[in-house]
Amino acid sequence: MADVVGTGFKFPFQFNANGKVASTVDLPDGSTSQQGTVDHLYGALYQLIMTARGERLIRNTLGCGIHDFVFEPNDETLVGLVLFYITEVILEWEPRIEVLDLESIQEGGQLRVIITFQIKSTREVGNVVLPLTGE
């Protein structure tokens, strides 16, 4: 049996052209596509990383610890810690992907993290760009 990557609600939550809850396989015209796997994992990764550890009552170990660094200076130490925490949370909670590259870009008060990943079951490659801003 093939591994299931899955589909789900589009993140952020929205409605499709037919007025129904949008899923990760919905196209703008209201039809569906089977190419929603990267979109689904984008939403899953975004929610995983942007959820503070301890925020979920039932799964209080779910989430990433990057929220602890909100008021820290945007320097190389911060970048190293953020990349470490993101790697750690992906390894712990997202077994469907393999991280190919993790890159950071610092611009003023903003840190952007680019995660390039490969879906293990389909070998499809995708990326997530997370803007982490302290302003």
C-alpha atoms as a PDB file:
ATOM      1  CA  MET A   1       0.000   0.000   0.000  1.00  0.00           C
ATOM      2  CA  ALA A   2       1.343   3.460  -0.896  1.00  0.00           C
ATOM      3  CA  ASP A   3       2.081   5.983   1.814  1.00  0.00           C
ATOM      4  CA  VAL A   4      -0.586   8.634   2.176  1.00  0.00           C
ATOM      5  CA  VAL A   5       0.641  12.211   2.303  1.00  0.00           C
ATOM      6  CA  GLY A   6      -2.857  13.551   2.633  1.00  0.00           C
ATOM      7  CA  THR A   7      -4.929  16.584   1.961  1.00  0.00           C
ATOM      8  CA  GLY A   8      -6.642  18.876   4.348  1.00  0.00           C
ATOM      9  CA  PHE A   9      -8.109  22.309   4.886  1.00  0.00           C
ATOM     10  CA  LYS A  10      -6.287  25.096   3.116  1.00  0.00           C
ATOM     11  CA  PHE A  11      -4.232  27.217   5.484  1.00  0.00           C
ATOM     12  CA  PRO A  12      -5.103  29.935   6.311  1.00  0.00           C
ATOM     13  CA  PHE A  13      -8.723  28.776   6.509  1.00  0.00           C
ATOM     14  CA  GLN A  14     -10.765  29.968   3.513  1.00  0.00           C
ATOM     15  CA  PHE A  15     -13.630  29.078   1.176  1.00  0.00           C
ATOM     16  CA  ASN A  16     -13.333  27.909  -2.438  1.00  0.00           C
ATOM     17  CA  ALA A  17     -15.182  29.240  -5.516  1.00  0.00           C
ATOM     18  CA  ASN A  18     -18.128  26.922  -4.759  1.00  0.00           C
ATOM     19  CA  GLY A  19     -18.587  28.386  -1.265  1.00  0.00           C
ATOM     20  CA  LYS A  20     -17.312  25.252   0.460  1.00  0.00           C
ATOM     21  CA  VAL A  21     -14.366  24.970   2.825  1.00  0.00           C
ATOM     22  CA  ALA A  22     -11.229  25.080   0.672  1.00  0.00           C
ATOM     23  CA  SER A  23      -8.891  22.104   0.722  1.00  0.00           C
ATOM     24  CA  THR A  24      -5.285  21.798  -0.385  1.00  0.00           C
ATOM     25  CA  VAL A  25      -6.399  20.249  -3.706  1.00  0.00           C
ATOM     26  CA  ASP A  26      -8.867  23.013  -4.694  1.00  0.00           C
ATOM     27  CA  LEU A  27      -8.084  25.085  -7.766  1.00  0.00           C
ATOM     28  CA  PRO A  28      -9.257  28.740  -8.091  1.00  0.00           C
ATOM     29  CA  ASP A  29     -12.075  27.743 -10.468  1.00  0.00           C
ATOM     30  CA  GLY A  30     -13.592  25.327  -7.935  1.00  0.00           C
ATOM     31  CA  SER A  31     -12.273  22.115  -9.506  1.00  0.00           C
ATOM     32  CA  THR A  32      -9.743  19.876  -7.781  1.00  0.00           C
ATOM     33  CA  SER A  33      -6.213  18.709  -8.535  1.00  0.00           C
ATOM     34  CA  GLN A  34      -4.085  15.866  -7.229  1.00  0.00           C
ATOM     35  CA  GLN A  35      -1.107  18.214  -6.809  1.00  0.00           C
ATOM     36  CA  GLY A  36      -2.104  19.389  -3.350  1.00  0.00           C
ATOM     37  CA  THR A  37       0.481  17.398  -1.422  1.00  0.00           C
ATOM     38  CA  VAL A  38       3.119  20.153  -1.279  1.00  0.00           C
ATOM     39  CA  ASP A  39       0.444  22.700  -0.328  1.00  0.00           C
ATOM     40  CA  HIS A  40      -0.812  20.382   2.398  1.00  0.00           C
ATOM     41  CA  LEU A  41       2.683  19.941   3.828  1.00  0.00           C
ATOM     42  CA  TYR A  42       3.321  23.688   3.575  1.00  0.00           C
ATOM     43  CA  GLY A  43       0.311  24.269   5.827  1.00  0.00           C
ATOM     44  CA  ALA A  44       1.352  21.473   8.183  1.00  0.00           C
ATOM     45  CA  LEU A  45       4.920  22.790   8.498  1.00  0.00           C
ATOM     46  CA  TYR A  46       3.779  26.380   8.951  1.00  0.00           C
ATOM     47  CA  GLN A  47       1.382  25.407  11.730  1.00  0.00           C
ATOM     48  CA  LEU A  48       3.956  23.148  13.376  1.00  0.00           C
ATOM     49  CA  ILE A  49       6.683  25.796  13.440  1.00  0.00           C
ATOM     50  CA  MET A  50       4.436  28.729  14.337  1.00  0.00           C
ATOM     51  CA  THR A  51       2.779  26.853  17.218  1.00  0.00           C
ATOM     52  CA  ALA A  52       4.496  27.615  20.515  1.00  0.00           C
ATOM     53  CA  ARG A  53       5.530  24.577  22.530  1.00  0.00           C
ATOM     54  CA  GLY A  54       2.896  24.051  25.232  1.00  0.00           C
ATOM     55  CA  GLU A  55       0.209  25.973  23.320  1.00  0.00           C
ATOM     56  CA  ARG A  56      -1.882  22.883  22.556  1.00  0.00           C
ATOM     57  CA  LEU A  57      -3.547  21.438  25.642  1.00  0.00           C
ATOM     58  CA  ILE A  58      -3.790  17.806  24.534  1.00  0.00           C
ATOM     59  CA  ARG A  59      -0.402  17.663  22.775  1.00  0.00           C
ATOM     60  CA  ASN A  60       1.587  20.067  24.895  1.00  0.00           C
ATOM     61  CA  THR A  61       4.931  18.944  23.445  1.00  0.00           C
ATOM     62  CA  LEU A  62       3.796  19.832  19.909  1.00  0.00           C
ATOM     63  CA  GLY A  63       5.296  23.015  18.548  1.00  0.00           C
ATOM     64  CA  CYS A  64       8.535  24.861  18.125  1.00  0.00           C
ATOM     65  CA  GLY A  65      10.559  26.822  20.665  1.00  0.00           C
ATOM     66  CA  ILE A  66      11.334  29.787  18.406  1.00  0.00           C
ATOM     67  CA  HIS A  67       8.856  31.938  20.310  1.00  0.00           C
ATOM     68  CA  ASP A  68      11.344  32.071  23.176  1.00  0.00           C
ATOM     69  CA  PHE A  69      13.573  34.309  21.031  1.00  0.00           C
ATOM     70  CA  VAL A  70      11.126  37.090  20.154  1.00  0.00           C
ATOM     71  CA  PHE A  71      13.094  39.816  21.951  1.00  0.00           C
ATOM     72  CA  GLU A  72      16.600  38.509  21.211  1.00  0.00           C
ATOM     73  CA  PRO A  73      18.966  40.403  18.900  1.00  0.00           C
ATOM     74  CA  ASN A  74      18.952  39.253  15.269  1.00  0.00           C
ATOM     75  CA  ASP A  75      22.491  37.836  15.172  1.00  0.00           C
ATOM     76  CA  GLU A  76      24.250  34.599  14.176  1.00  0.00           C
ATOM     77  CA  THR A  77      23.529  32.983  17.554  1.00  0.00           C
ATOM     78  CA  LEU A  78      19.804  33.572  17.071  1.00  0.00           C
ATOM     79  CA  VAL A  79      19.938  32.163  13.535  1.00  0.00           C
ATOM     80  CA  GLY A  80      21.701  29.025  14.739  1.00  0.00           C
ATOM     81  CA  LEU A  81      19.184  28.464  17.529  1.00  0.00           C
ATOM     82  CA  VAL A  82      16.179  29.060  15.273  1.00  0.00           C
ATOM     83  CA  LEU A  83      17.485  26.624  12.648  1.00  0.00           C
ATOM     84  CA  PHE A  84      18.207  24.061  15.381  1.00  0.00           C
ATOM     85  CA  TYR A  85      14.690  24.336  16.850  1.00  0.00           C
ATOM     86  CA  ILE A  86      13.068  24.107  13.420  1.00  0.00           C
ATOM     87  CA  THR A  87      15.126  21.031  12.519  1.00  0.00           C
ATOM     88  CA  GLU A  88      14.296  19.425  15.853  1.00  0.00           C
ATOM     89  CA  VAL A  89      10.524  19.962  15.554  1.00  0.00           C
ATOM     90  CA  ILE A  90      10.415  18.680  11.961  1.00  0.00           C
ATOM     91  CA  LEU A  91      12.339  15.531  12.870  1.00  0.00           C
ATOM     92  CA  GLU A  92      10.047  14.897  15.835  1.00  0.00           C
ATOM     93  CA  TRP A  93       6.644  15.663  14.322  1.00  0.00           C
ATOM     94  CA  GLU A  94       6.778  15.437  10.514  1.00  0.00           C
ATOM     95  CA  PRO A  95       7.870  11.949   9.380  1.00  0.00           C
ATOM     96  CA  ARG A  96       6.429  12.395   5.862  1.00  0.00           C
ATOM     97  CA  ILE A  97       9.275  14.607   4.659  1.00  0.00           C
ATOM     98  CA  GLU A  98      13.041  14.744   4.487  1.00  0.00           C
ATOM     99  CA  VAL A  99      14.634  18.174   4.859  1.00  0.00           C
ATOM    100  CA  LEU A 100      17.029  18.778   1.961  1.00  0.00           C
ATOM    101  CA  ASP A 101      18.143  22.288   2.866  1.00  0.00           C
ATOM    102  CA  LEU A 102      17.543  24.808   5.620  1.00  0.00           C
ATOM    103  CA  GLU A 103      18.607  28.349   4.802  1.00  0.00           C
ATOM    104  CA  SER A 104      18.265  31.681   6.559  1.00  0.00           C
ATOM    105  CA  ILE A 105      18.284  35.230   5.225  1.00  0.00           C
ATOM    106  CA  GLN A 106      18.648  38.213   7.558  1.00  0.00           C
ATOM    107  CA  GLU A 107      17.335  41.590   6.409  1.00  0.00           C
ATOM    108  CA  GLY A 108      17.080  44.335   9.010  1.00  0.00           C
ATOM    109  CA  GLY A 109      14.762  43.186  11.773  1.00  0.00           C
ATOM    110  CA  GLN A 110      13.478  40.243   9.782  1.00  0.00           C
ATOM    111  CA  LEU A 111      14.731  36.684   9.558  1.00  0.00           C
ATOM    112  CA  ARG A 112      13.455  34.505   6.728  1.00  0.00           C
ATOM    113  CA  VAL A 113      13.883  30.746   6.932  1.00  0.00           C
ATOM    114  CA  ILE A 114      13.672  28.710   3.732  1.00  0.00           C
ATOM    115  CA  ILE A 115      13.005  24.996   4.179  1.00  0.00           C
ATOM    116  CA  THR A 116      13.491  22.808   1.114  1.00  0.00           C
ATOM    117  CA  PHE A 117      12.032  19.352   1.601  1.00  0.00           C
ATOM    118  CA  GLN A 118      11.254  16.151  -0.249  1.00  0.00           C
ATOM    119  CA  ILE A 119       8.120  14.100   0.349  1.00  0.00           C
ATOM    120  CA  LYS A 120       9.351  10.616   1.174  1.00  0.00           C
ATOM    121  CA  SER A 121       6.520   8.691  -0.509  1.00  0.00           C
ATOM    122  CA  THR A 122       6.335  10.631  -3.790  1.00  0.00           C
ATOM    123  CA  ARG A 123       9.864  12.143  -3.979  1.00  0.00           C
ATOM    124  CA  GLU A 124       8.165  15.478  -4.791  1.00  0.00           C
ATOM    125  CA  VAL A 125      10.252  18.513  -3.772  1.00  0.00           C
ATOM    126  CA  GLY A 126       8.804  21.656  -2.234  1.00  0.00           C
ATOM    127  CA  ASN A 127       9.834  24.593  -0.102  1.00  0.00           C
ATOM    128  CA  VAL A 128       8.440  26.765   2.645  1.00  0.00           C
ATOM    129  CA  VAL A 129       9.494  30.357   3.251  1.00  0.00           C
ATOM    130  CA  LEU A 130       8.795  31.560   6.785  1.00  0.00           C
ATOM    131  CA  PRO A 131       9.160  35.281   7.507  1.00  0.00           C
ATOM    132  CA  LEU A 132      10.040  35.691  11.185  1.00  0.00           C
ATOM    133  CA  THR A 133       9.873  39.372  12.017  1.00  0.00           C
ATOM    134  CA  GLY A 134      10.663  41.095  15.276  1.00  0.00           C
ATOM    135  CA  GLU A 135       9.250  44.470  14.301  1.00  0.00           C
END
